[in-house]
Amino acid sequence: MNDRLNQWRAPAHWQAVDFIADLHLHAADPATFAAFCRYLDTPADQRGDALFILGDLFEVWVGDDALTAPPEGERAFLQDCAHRLSAFAAHTPVFFMAGNRDFLLGTAGLEACGMTGLADPTRLEWAGQPWLLSHGDALCIDDHDYQRFRAEVRSARWQTAFLVRPLADREAFARDLRARSEARKREHGLDAALWADVDSATAREWLAAAGSRHLIHGHTHRPARHDLGGGCERWVLSDWDAGAHPPRAEVLRLRADSVQRLSLFPDGG
């Protein structure tokens, strides 16, 4: 956890706040993108006063210059995403925290999407309580291979070297990385329950350092409320997959007196 905790104080007039994560948007999955657009088009009185995206909005992000390159293939899709997000953000604040797939989304990308960037973790002061927000991957400390990989790619040295490569090379690298990820899933199974989960002791340490009892995160694809003991809890956001059976596309809505899980597929399809 960062020595200096990023903090955000919500305006007093907010009545509800929406949280999503792990949409993994990409051009080859138009159904999940359509579900996201359905959320963006929801009437204002049926949405939260702000949207917090806690990582992995995109399946992959190889650099902000994809938004200004000729609109071909995946680039055209990302440019459409940015346009729709920017239009939504013109009337509803959107906050973005990087995940393990879109950590290269930088200042120019945030501006194009109309989003405000958040450090991981961030302490949100809202409705008289502090809520700790995180993507969640840094808390999965038992996944040693991933933590080594995370430390490497989050370093300024690695990112500088990667981003100076031609865009086409970076896109090819991302395709190869995704193919290897899919191969590992086929080899080890698609069940998220088999993946490393958030370490409860570490989560409690983070909460204590933040002076909070409530953690909201994504990454693990295990939507649930977990009791951490001592009055502490963590709320895990759902991943989105319109092609699953049943389809998944869920918003966690935080109100002063309740926490709700709202599906974009209330009838299961």
C-alpha atoms as a PDB file:
ATOM      1  CA  MET A   1       0.000   0.000   0.000  1.00  0.00           C
ATOM      2  CA  ASN A   2       1.223   3.510  -0.810  1.00  0.00           C
ATOM      3  CA  ASP A   3       2.812   5.436   2.068  1.00  0.00           C
ATOM      4  CA  ARG A   4       0.692   8.425   1.140  1.00  0.00           C
ATOM      5  CA  LEU A   5      -2.925   7.417   0.636  1.00  0.00           C
ATOM      6  CA  ASN A   6      -4.842   9.135  -2.125  1.00  0.00           C
ATOM      7  CA  GLN A   7      -8.128  10.561  -0.831  1.00  0.00           C
ATOM      8  CA  TRP A   8     -11.297  11.816  -2.488  1.00  0.00           C
ATOM      9  CA  ARG A   9     -14.145  13.579  -0.694  1.00  0.00           C
ATOM     10  CA  ALA A  10     -17.515  13.222  -2.392  1.00  0.00           C
ATOM     11  CA  PRO A  11     -19.775  16.258  -2.805  1.00  0.00           C
ATOM     12  CA  ALA A  12     -22.540  16.474  -0.204  1.00  0.00           C
ATOM     13  CA  HIS A  13     -25.321  16.279  -2.804  1.00  0.00           C
ATOM     14  CA  TRP A  14     -24.421  12.777  -4.035  1.00  0.00           C
ATOM     15  CA  GLN A  15     -27.193  10.331  -3.143  1.00  0.00           C
ATOM     16  CA  ALA A  16     -25.761   7.200  -4.763  1.00  0.00           C
ATOM     17  CA  VAL A  17     -22.457   6.059  -6.257  1.00  0.00           C
ATOM     18  CA  ASP A  18     -21.998   3.318  -8.874  1.00  0.00           C
ATOM     19  CA  PHE A  19     -18.993   0.967  -9.062  1.00  0.00           C
ATOM     20  CA  ILE A  20     -17.967  -1.368 -11.879  1.00  0.00           C
ATOM     21  CA  ALA A  21     -14.804  -3.274 -12.812  1.00  0.00           C
ATOM     22  CA  ASP A  22     -13.464  -5.975 -15.086  1.00  0.00           C
ATOM     23  CA  LEU A  23     -15.510  -5.278 -18.196  1.00  0.00           C
ATOM     24  CA  HIS A  24     -12.504  -6.232 -20.377  1.00  0.00           C
ATOM     25  CA  LEU A  25     -13.979  -4.378 -23.340  1.00  0.00           C
ATOM     26  CA  HIS A  26     -12.592  -5.295 -26.754  1.00  0.00           C
ATOM     27  CA  ALA A  27     -13.810  -5.299 -30.324  1.00  0.00           C
ATOM     28  CA  ALA A  28     -14.387  -9.055 -30.468  1.00  0.00           C
ATOM     29  CA  ASP A  29     -17.020  -8.865 -27.704  1.00  0.00           C
ATOM     30  CA  PRO A  30     -19.704  -6.468 -28.977  1.00  0.00           C
ATOM     31  CA  ALA A  31     -22.370  -7.873 -26.634  1.00  0.00           C
ATOM     32  CA  THR A  32     -20.529  -6.793 -23.487  1.00  0.00           C
ATOM     33  CA  PHE A  33     -19.853  -3.387 -25.033  1.00  0.00           C
ATOM     34  CA  ALA A  34     -23.578  -3.106 -25.827  1.00  0.00           C
ATOM     35  CA  ALA A  35     -24.379  -3.822 -22.161  1.00  0.00           C
ATOM     36  CA  PHE A  36     -21.976  -1.072 -21.114  1.00  0.00           C
ATOM     37  CA  CYS A  37     -23.594   1.347 -23.554  1.00  0.00           C
ATOM     38  CA  ARG A  38     -26.972   0.397 -22.110  1.00  0.00           C
ATOM     39  CA  TYR A  39     -25.706   1.493 -18.710  1.00  0.00           C
ATOM     40  CA  LEU A  40     -24.342   4.753 -20.146  1.00  0.00           C
ATOM     41  CA  ASP A  41     -27.741   5.446 -21.729  1.00  0.00           C
ATOM     42  CA  THR A  42     -29.674   4.835 -18.505  1.00  0.00           C
ATOM     43  CA  PRO A  43     -31.750   7.888 -17.472  1.00  0.00           C
ATOM     44  CA  ALA A  44     -29.984  10.040 -14.887  1.00  0.00           C
ATOM     45  CA  ASP A  45     -32.597   9.350 -12.199  1.00  0.00           C
ATOM     46  CA  GLN A  46     -31.877   5.620 -12.490  1.00  0.00           C
ATOM     47  CA  ARG A  47     -28.087   5.893 -12.131  1.00  0.00           C
ATOM     48  CA  GLY A  48     -25.687   6.916  -9.416  1.00  0.00           C
ATOM     49  CA  ASP A  49     -24.456  10.493  -9.146  1.00  0.00           C
ATOM     50  CA  ALA A  50     -20.967   9.293 -10.109  1.00  0.00           C
ATOM     51  CA  LEU A  51     -19.359   6.248 -11.707  1.00  0.00           C
ATOM     52  CA  PHE A  52     -16.199   4.658 -10.323  1.00  0.00           C
ATOM     53  CA  ILE A  53     -14.443   2.188 -12.636  1.00  0.00           C
ATOM     54  CA  LEU A  54     -12.020   0.102 -10.575  1.00  0.00           C
ATOM     55  CA  GLY A  55      -9.796  -1.309 -13.276  1.00  0.00           C
ATOM     56  CA  ASP A  56      -9.815  -3.501 -16.369  1.00  0.00           C
ATOM     57  CA  LEU A  57     -12.378  -1.451 -18.209  1.00  0.00           C
ATOM     58  CA  PHE A  58     -10.456  -2.491 -21.316  1.00  0.00           C
ATOM     59  CA  GLU A  59      -9.107  -5.905 -22.207  1.00  0.00           C
ATOM     60  CA  VAL A  60      -5.833  -4.263 -23.104  1.00  0.00           C
ATOM     61  CA  TRP A  61      -4.424  -0.750 -23.434  1.00  0.00           C
ATOM     62  CA  VAL A  62      -1.071  -0.351 -25.184  1.00  0.00           C
ATOM     63  CA  GLY A  63      -0.806   3.435 -25.182  1.00  0.00           C
ATOM     64  CA  ASP A  64      -2.897   6.578 -25.489  1.00  0.00           C
ATOM     65  CA  ASP A  65      -1.701   7.093 -29.071  1.00  0.00           C
ATOM     66  CA  ALA A  66      -4.169   4.380 -30.134  1.00  0.00           C
ATOM     67  CA  LEU A  67      -6.854   7.063 -29.796  1.00  0.00           C
ATOM     68  CA  THR A  68      -5.252   9.306 -32.431  1.00  0.00           C
ATOM     69  CA  ALA A  69      -3.976   6.641 -34.829  1.00  0.00           C
ATOM     70  CA  PRO A  70      -5.919   5.752 -38.004  1.00  0.00           C
ATOM     71  CA  PRO A  71      -9.187   4.104 -36.896  1.00  0.00           C
ATOM     72  CA  GLU A  72      -8.532   0.502 -37.852  1.00  0.00           C
ATOM     73  CA  GLY A  73      -9.734  -2.615 -36.019  1.00  0.00           C
ATOM     74  CA  GLU A  74      -9.238  -2.430 -32.284  1.00  0.00           C
ATOM     75  CA  ARG A  75      -8.183   1.229 -32.486  1.00  0.00           C
ATOM     76  CA  ALA A  76     -11.560   2.195 -33.983  1.00  0.00           C
ATOM     77  CA  PHE A  77     -13.277   0.331 -31.162  1.00  0.00           C
ATOM     78  CA  LEU A  78     -11.226   2.103 -28.483  1.00  0.00           C
ATOM     79  CA  GLN A  79     -11.928   5.459 -30.116  1.00  0.00           C
ATOM     80  CA  ASP A  80     -15.657   4.702 -30.030  1.00  0.00           C
ATOM     81  CA  CYS A  81     -15.379   3.762 -26.337  1.00  0.00           C
ATOM     82  CA  ALA A  82     -13.612   7.046 -25.582  1.00  0.00           C
ATOM     83  CA  HIS A  83     -16.261   9.034 -27.458  1.00  0.00           C
ATOM     84  CA  ARG A  84     -19.141   7.381 -25.587  1.00  0.00           C
ATOM     85  CA  LEU A  85     -17.437   7.743 -22.214  1.00  0.00           C
ATOM     86  CA  SER A  86     -16.664  11.390 -22.864  1.00  0.00           C
ATOM     87  CA  ALA A  87     -20.312  12.085 -23.715  1.00  0.00           C
ATOM     88  CA  PHE A  88     -21.429  10.356 -20.506  1.00  0.00           C
ATOM     89  CA  ALA A  89     -18.823  12.149 -18.399  1.00  0.00           C
ATOM     90  CA  ALA A  90     -20.126  15.500 -19.643  1.00  0.00           C
ATOM     91  CA  HIS A  91     -23.046  15.100 -17.227  1.00  0.00           C
ATOM     92  CA  THR A  92     -21.884  12.428 -14.737  1.00  0.00           C
ATOM     93  CA  PRO A  93     -18.441  12.346 -13.073  1.00  0.00           C
ATOM     94  CA  VAL A  94     -16.407   9.276 -14.034  1.00  0.00           C
ATOM     95  CA  PHE A  95     -13.415   8.114 -11.990  1.00  0.00           C
ATOM     96  CA  PHE A  96     -10.951   5.520 -13.243  1.00  0.00           C
ATOM     97  CA  MET A  97      -8.471   3.335 -11.382  1.00  0.00           C
ATOM     98  CA  ALA A  98      -6.073   1.266 -13.471  1.00  0.00           C
ATOM     99  CA  GLY A  99      -6.298  -2.499 -13.509  1.00  0.00           C
ATOM    100  CA  ASN A 100      -3.838  -5.157 -14.586  1.00  0.00           C
ATOM    101  CA  ARG A 101      -4.984  -4.869 -18.230  1.00  0.00           C
ATOM    102  CA  ASP A 102      -5.256  -1.100 -18.705  1.00  0.00           C
ATOM    103  CA  PHE A 103      -2.539   0.320 -16.437  1.00  0.00           C
ATOM    104  CA  LEU A 104      -0.968   2.117 -19.411  1.00  0.00           C
ATOM    105  CA  LEU A 105      -3.974   4.400 -19.810  1.00  0.00           C
ATOM    106  CA  GLY A 106      -2.341   7.787 -19.249  1.00  0.00           C
ATOM    107  CA  THR A 107      -3.227  11.448 -18.973  1.00  0.00           C
ATOM    108  CA  ALA A 108      -4.173  11.861 -22.634  1.00  0.00           C
ATOM    109  CA  GLY A 109      -6.362   8.749 -22.532  1.00  0.00           C
ATOM    110  CA  LEU A 110      -8.111   9.885 -19.363  1.00  0.00           C
ATOM    111  CA  GLU A 111      -8.804  13.294 -20.895  1.00  0.00           C
ATOM    112  CA  ALA A 112     -10.151  11.758 -24.110  1.00  0.00           C
ATOM    113  CA  CYS A 113     -12.543   9.596 -22.078  1.00  0.00           C
ATOM    114  CA  GLY A 114     -13.525  12.432 -19.742  1.00  0.00           C
ATOM    115  CA  MET A 115     -12.338  10.461 -16.718  1.00  0.00           C
ATOM    116  CA  THR A 116     -10.528  11.480 -13.540  1.00  0.00           C
ATOM    117  CA  GLY A 117      -7.684   9.133 -12.622  1.00  0.00           C
ATOM    118  CA  LEU A 118      -7.427   7.597  -9.157  1.00  0.00           C
ATOM    119  CA  ALA A 119      -4.387   6.024  -7.504  1.00  0.00           C
ATOM    120  CA  ASP A 120      -4.650   2.476  -6.191  1.00  0.00           C
ATOM    121  CA  PRO A 121      -5.761   2.444  -3.423  1.00  0.00           C
ATOM    122  CA  THR A 122      -7.937   5.516  -2.850  1.00  0.00           C
ATOM    123  CA  ARG A 123      -9.907   6.432   0.261  1.00  0.00           C
ATOM    124  CA  LEU A 124     -13.356   7.743  -0.660  1.00  0.00           C
ATOM    125  CA  GLU A 125     -15.101   9.895   1.921  1.00  0.00           C
ATOM    126  CA  TRP A 126     -18.819   9.603   1.269  1.00  0.00           C
ATOM    127  CA  ALA A 127     -22.021   9.640   3.297  1.00  0.00           C
ATOM    128  CA  GLY A 128     -20.104  10.114   6.521  1.00  0.00           C
ATOM    129  CA  GLN A 129     -17.919   7.011   6.061  1.00  0.00           C
ATOM    130  CA  PRO A 130     -14.527   6.232   4.516  1.00  0.00           C
ATOM    131  CA  TRP A 131     -14.516   3.557   1.815  1.00  0.00           C
ATOM    132  CA  LEU A 132     -11.242   2.077   0.557  1.00  0.00           C
ATOM    133  CA  LEU A 133     -11.176   1.467  -3.203  1.00  0.00           C
ATOM    134  CA  SER A 134      -8.733  -0.780  -5.072  1.00  0.00           C
ATOM    135  CA  HIS A 135      -8.534  -2.806  -8.240  1.00  0.00           C
ATOM    136  CA  GLY A 136      -7.532  -5.699  -5.991  1.00  0.00           C
ATOM    137  CA  ASP A 137      -4.630  -7.334  -7.819  1.00  0.00           C
ATOM    138  CA  ALA A 138      -1.990  -6.010  -5.399  1.00  0.00           C
ATOM    139  CA  LEU A 139      -3.843  -7.799  -2.593  1.00  0.00           C
ATOM    140  CA  CYS A 140      -3.548 -11.247  -4.235  1.00  0.00           C
ATOM    141  CA  ILE A 141      -0.133 -11.805  -2.680  1.00  0.00           C
ATOM    142  CA  ASP A 142      -0.173 -15.610  -3.019  1.00  0.00           C
ATOM    143  CA  ASP A 143       0.056 -15.297  -6.808  1.00  0.00           C
ATOM    144  CA  HIS A 144       3.833 -14.882  -6.727  1.00  0.00           C
ATOM    145  CA  ASP A 145       4.394 -15.116 -10.488  1.00  0.00           C
ATOM    146  CA  TYR A 146       1.857 -12.391 -11.130  1.00  0.00           C
ATOM    147  CA  GLN A 147       3.233 -10.127  -8.401  1.00  0.00           C
ATOM    148  CA  ARG A 148       6.699 -10.333  -9.975  1.00  0.00           C
ATOM    149  CA  PHE A 149       5.212  -9.548 -13.380  1.00  0.00           C
ATOM    150  CA  ARG A 150       3.188  -6.675 -11.897  1.00  0.00           C
ATOM    151  CA  ALA A 151       6.257  -5.134 -10.274  1.00  0.00           C
ATOM    152  CA  GLU A 152       8.114  -5.275 -13.602  1.00  0.00           C
ATOM    153  CA  VAL A 153       5.438  -3.757 -15.852  1.00  0.00           C
ATOM    154  CA  ARG A 154       4.440  -1.057 -13.351  1.00  0.00           C
ATOM    155  CA  SER A 155       7.994   0.267 -13.207  1.00  0.00           C
ATOM    156  CA  ALA A 156       8.724   3.545 -14.994  1.00  0.00           C
ATOM    157  CA  ARG A 157      11.678   1.934 -16.768  1.00  0.00           C
ATOM    158  CA  TRP A 158       9.588  -0.858 -18.328  1.00  0.00           C
ATOM    159  CA  GLN A 159       6.771   1.475 -19.335  1.00  0.00           C
ATOM    160  CA  THR A 160       9.095   4.024 -20.917  1.00  0.00           C
ATOM    161  CA  ALA A 161      10.829   1.322 -22.949  1.00  0.00           C
ATOM    162  CA  PHE A 162       7.511  -0.222 -24.001  1.00  0.00           C
ATOM    163  CA  LEU A 163       5.772   3.000 -25.013  1.00  0.00           C
ATOM    164  CA  VAL A 164       8.575   4.112 -27.355  1.00  0.00           C
ATOM    165  CA  ARG A 165       8.041   1.008 -29.475  1.00  0.00           C
ATOM    166  CA  PRO A 166       5.887   1.447 -32.615  1.00  0.00           C
ATOM    167  CA  LEU A 167       2.158   1.159 -31.939  1.00  0.00           C
ATOM    168  CA  ALA A 168       1.816  -1.837 -34.253  1.00  0.00           C
ATOM    169  CA  ASP A 169       4.528  -3.685 -32.302  1.00  0.00           C
ATOM    170  CA  ARG A 170       2.776  -2.949 -29.015  1.00  0.00           C
ATOM    171  CA  GLU A 171      -0.524  -4.173 -30.423  1.00  0.00           C
ATOM    172  CA  ALA A 172       1.124  -7.406 -31.583  1.00  0.00           C
ATOM    173  CA  PHE A 173       2.667  -7.849 -28.129  1.00  0.00           C
ATOM    174  CA  ALA A 174      -0.774  -7.404 -26.544  1.00  0.00           C
ATOM    175  CA  ARG A 175      -2.344  -9.977 -28.873  1.00  0.00           C
ATOM    176  CA  ASP A 176       0.380 -12.469 -27.997  1.00  0.00           C
ATOM    177  CA  LEU A 177      -0.035 -11.787 -24.275  1.00  0.00           C
ATOM    178  CA  ARG A 178      -3.788 -12.313 -24.510  1.00  0.00           C
ATOM    179  CA  ALA A 179      -3.339 -15.559 -26.463  1.00  0.00           C
ATOM    180  CA  ARG A 180      -1.003 -16.871 -23.766  1.00  0.00           C
ATOM    181  CA  SER A 181      -3.465 -15.825 -21.070  1.00  0.00           C
ATOM    182  CA  GLU A 182      -6.292 -17.681 -22.814  1.00  0.00           C
ATOM    183  CA  ALA A 183      -4.072 -20.741 -23.172  1.00  0.00           C
ATOM    184  CA  ARG A 184      -3.341 -20.708 -19.426  1.00  0.00           C
ATOM    185  CA  LYS A 185      -7.061 -20.487 -18.710  1.00  0.00           C
ATOM    186  CA  ARG A 186      -7.728 -23.515 -20.910  1.00  0.00           C
ATOM    187  CA  GLU A 187      -4.904 -25.409 -19.223  1.00  0.00           C
ATOM    188  CA  HIS A 188      -5.810 -24.537 -15.635  1.00  0.00           C
ATOM    189  CA  GLY A 189      -9.562 -24.091 -16.013  1.00  0.00           C
ATOM    190  CA  LEU A 190     -11.849 -21.085 -16.356  1.00  0.00           C
ATOM    191  CA  ASP A 191     -13.194 -21.281 -12.817  1.00  0.00           C
ATOM    192  CA  ALA A 192     -12.264 -18.034 -11.044  1.00  0.00           C
ATOM    193  CA  ALA A 193     -12.436 -19.906  -7.737  1.00  0.00           C
ATOM    194  CA  LEU A 194      -9.169 -21.603  -8.706  1.00  0.00           C
ATOM    195  CA  TRP A 195      -7.321 -18.300  -8.991  1.00  0.00           C
ATOM    196  CA  ALA A 196      -5.448 -16.645  -6.152  1.00  0.00           C
ATOM    197  CA  ASP A 197      -7.790 -14.561  -4.007  1.00  0.00           C
ATOM    198  CA  VAL A 198      -7.280 -11.420  -1.952  1.00  0.00           C
ATOM    199  CA  ASP A 199      -5.286 -12.076   1.218  1.00  0.00           C
ATOM    200  CA  SER A 200      -7.573 -11.255   4.151  1.00  0.00           C
ATOM    201  CA  ALA A 201      -4.785 -10.239   6.543  1.00  0.00           C
ATOM    202  CA  THR A 202      -3.354  -7.824   3.978  1.00  0.00           C
ATOM    203  CA  ALA A 203      -6.815  -6.408   3.291  1.00  0.00           C
ATOM    204  CA  ARG A 204      -7.285  -5.769   7.016  1.00  0.00           C
ATOM    205  CA  GLU A 205      -3.890  -4.052   7.163  1.00  0.00           C
ATOM    206  CA  TRP A 206      -4.860  -1.774   4.288  1.00  0.00           C
ATOM    207  CA  LEU A 207      -8.154  -0.920   5.945  1.00  0.00           C
ATOM    208  CA  ALA A 208      -6.475  -0.149   9.260  1.00  0.00           C
ATOM    209  CA  ALA A 209      -3.954   2.137   7.560  1.00  0.00           C
ATOM    210  CA  ALA A 210      -6.800   3.946   5.778  1.00  0.00           C
ATOM    211  CA  GLY A 211      -8.957   4.229   8.892  1.00  0.00           C
ATOM    212  CA  SER A 212     -11.754   2.413   7.087  1.00  0.00           C
ATOM    213  CA  ARG A 213     -13.831  -0.731   7.611  1.00  0.00           C
ATOM    214  CA  HIS A 214     -15.116  -1.104   4.045  1.00  0.00           C
ATOM    215  CA  LEU A 215     -13.118  -2.221   0.988  1.00  0.00           C
ATOM    216  CA  ILE A 216     -14.505  -2.293  -2.558  1.00  0.00           C
ATOM    217  CA  HIS A 217     -12.446  -4.002  -5.276  1.00  0.00           C
ATOM    218  CA  GLY A 218     -12.554  -6.011  -8.478  1.00  0.00           C
ATOM    219  CA  HIS A 219     -10.001  -8.278 -10.208  1.00  0.00           C
ATOM    220  CA  THR A 220     -10.911 -11.621  -8.627  1.00  0.00           C
ATOM    221  CA  HIS A 221     -14.201 -12.133 -10.543  1.00  0.00           C
ATOM    222  CA  ARG A 222     -15.858 -13.395  -7.331  1.00  0.00           C
ATOM    223  CA  PRO A 223     -18.737 -10.989  -6.640  1.00  0.00           C
ATOM    224  CA  ALA A 224     -19.673 -11.266  -2.985  1.00  0.00           C
ATOM    225  CA  ARG A 225     -19.508  -9.583   0.393  1.00  0.00           C
ATOM    226  CA  HIS A 226     -16.741 -11.007   2.569  1.00  0.00           C
ATOM    227  CA  ASP A 227     -16.649 -10.536   6.336  1.00  0.00           C
ATOM    228  CA  LEU A 228     -13.052  -9.770   7.325  1.00  0.00           C
ATOM    229  CA  GLY A 229     -13.767  -9.747  11.052  1.00  0.00           C
ATOM    230  CA  GLY A 230     -13.536  -6.912  13.523  1.00  0.00           C
ATOM    231  CA  GLY A 231     -16.344  -5.053  11.794  1.00  0.00           C
ATOM    232  CA  CYS A 232     -14.442  -4.982   8.484  1.00  0.00           C
ATOM    233  CA  GLU A 233     -15.745  -6.185   5.134  1.00  0.00           C
ATOM    234  CA  ARG A 234     -14.886  -6.246   1.458  1.00  0.00           C
ATOM    235  CA  TRP A 235     -17.296  -5.970  -1.431  1.00  0.00           C
ATOM    236  CA  VAL A 236     -16.082  -7.683  -4.618  1.00  0.00           C
ATOM    237  CA  LEU A 237     -17.296  -6.378  -7.960  1.00  0.00           C
ATOM    238  CA  SER A 238     -18.482  -8.667 -10.731  1.00  0.00           C
ATOM    239  CA  ASP A 239     -16.695  -9.093 -14.013  1.00  0.00           C
ATOM    240  CA  TRP A 240     -18.768  -8.486 -17.158  1.00  0.00           C
ATOM    241  CA  ASP A 241     -19.340 -11.173 -19.790  1.00  0.00           C
ATOM    242  CA  ALA A 242     -22.462 -10.945 -21.931  1.00  0.00           C
ATOM    243  CA  GLY A 243     -21.630 -14.295 -23.514  1.00  0.00           C
ATOM    244  CA  ALA A 244     -21.638 -16.229 -20.244  1.00  0.00           C
ATOM    245  CA  HIS A 245     -24.554 -18.409 -19.124  1.00  0.00           C
ATOM    246  CA  PRO A 246     -26.177 -16.566 -17.477  1.00  0.00           C
ATOM    247  CA  PRO A 247     -24.694 -13.302 -18.800  1.00  0.00           C
ATOM    248  CA  ARG A 248     -22.882 -11.074 -16.302  1.00  0.00           C
ATOM    249  CA  ALA A 249     -22.956  -7.267 -16.231  1.00  0.00           C
ATOM    250  CA  GLU A 250     -23.377  -5.908 -12.739  1.00  0.00           C
ATOM    251  CA  VAL A 251     -23.214  -2.502 -11.062  1.00  0.00           C
ATOM    252  CA  LEU A 252     -22.611  -2.128  -7.346  1.00  0.00           C
ATOM    253  CA  ARG A 253     -24.638   0.869  -6.156  1.00  0.00           C
ATOM    254  CA  LEU A 254     -23.706   2.427  -2.858  1.00  0.00           C
ATOM    255  CA  ARG A 255     -26.307   4.467  -0.995  1.00  0.00           C
ATOM    256  CA  ALA A 256     -26.059   6.002   2.443  1.00  0.00           C
ATOM    257  CA  ASP A 257     -28.158   3.197   3.916  1.00  0.00           C
ATOM    258  CA  SER A 258     -27.617   0.263   1.551  1.00  0.00           C
ATOM    259  CA  VAL A 259     -25.438  -1.562  -0.966  1.00  0.00           C
ATOM    260  CA  GLN A 260     -27.216  -2.951  -4.038  1.00  0.00           C
ATOM    261  CA  ARG A 261     -26.134  -5.248  -6.857  1.00  0.00           C
ATOM    262  CA  LEU A 262     -27.878  -4.319 -10.096  1.00  0.00           C
ATOM    263  CA  SER A 263     -27.665  -6.483 -13.203  1.00  0.00           C
ATOM    264  CA  LEU A 264     -27.843  -5.173 -16.759  1.00  0.00           C
ATOM    265  CA  PHE A 265     -29.412  -8.577 -17.500  1.00  0.00           C
ATOM    266  CA  PRO A 266     -32.149  -8.755 -14.830  1.00  0.00           C
ATOM    267  CA  ASP A 267     -33.977 -11.542 -16.697  1.00  0.00           C
ATOM    268  CA  GLY A 268     -30.830 -13.578 -17.268  1.00  0.00           C
ATOM    269  CA  GLY A 269     -30.343 -12.600 -20.886  1.00  0.00           C
END
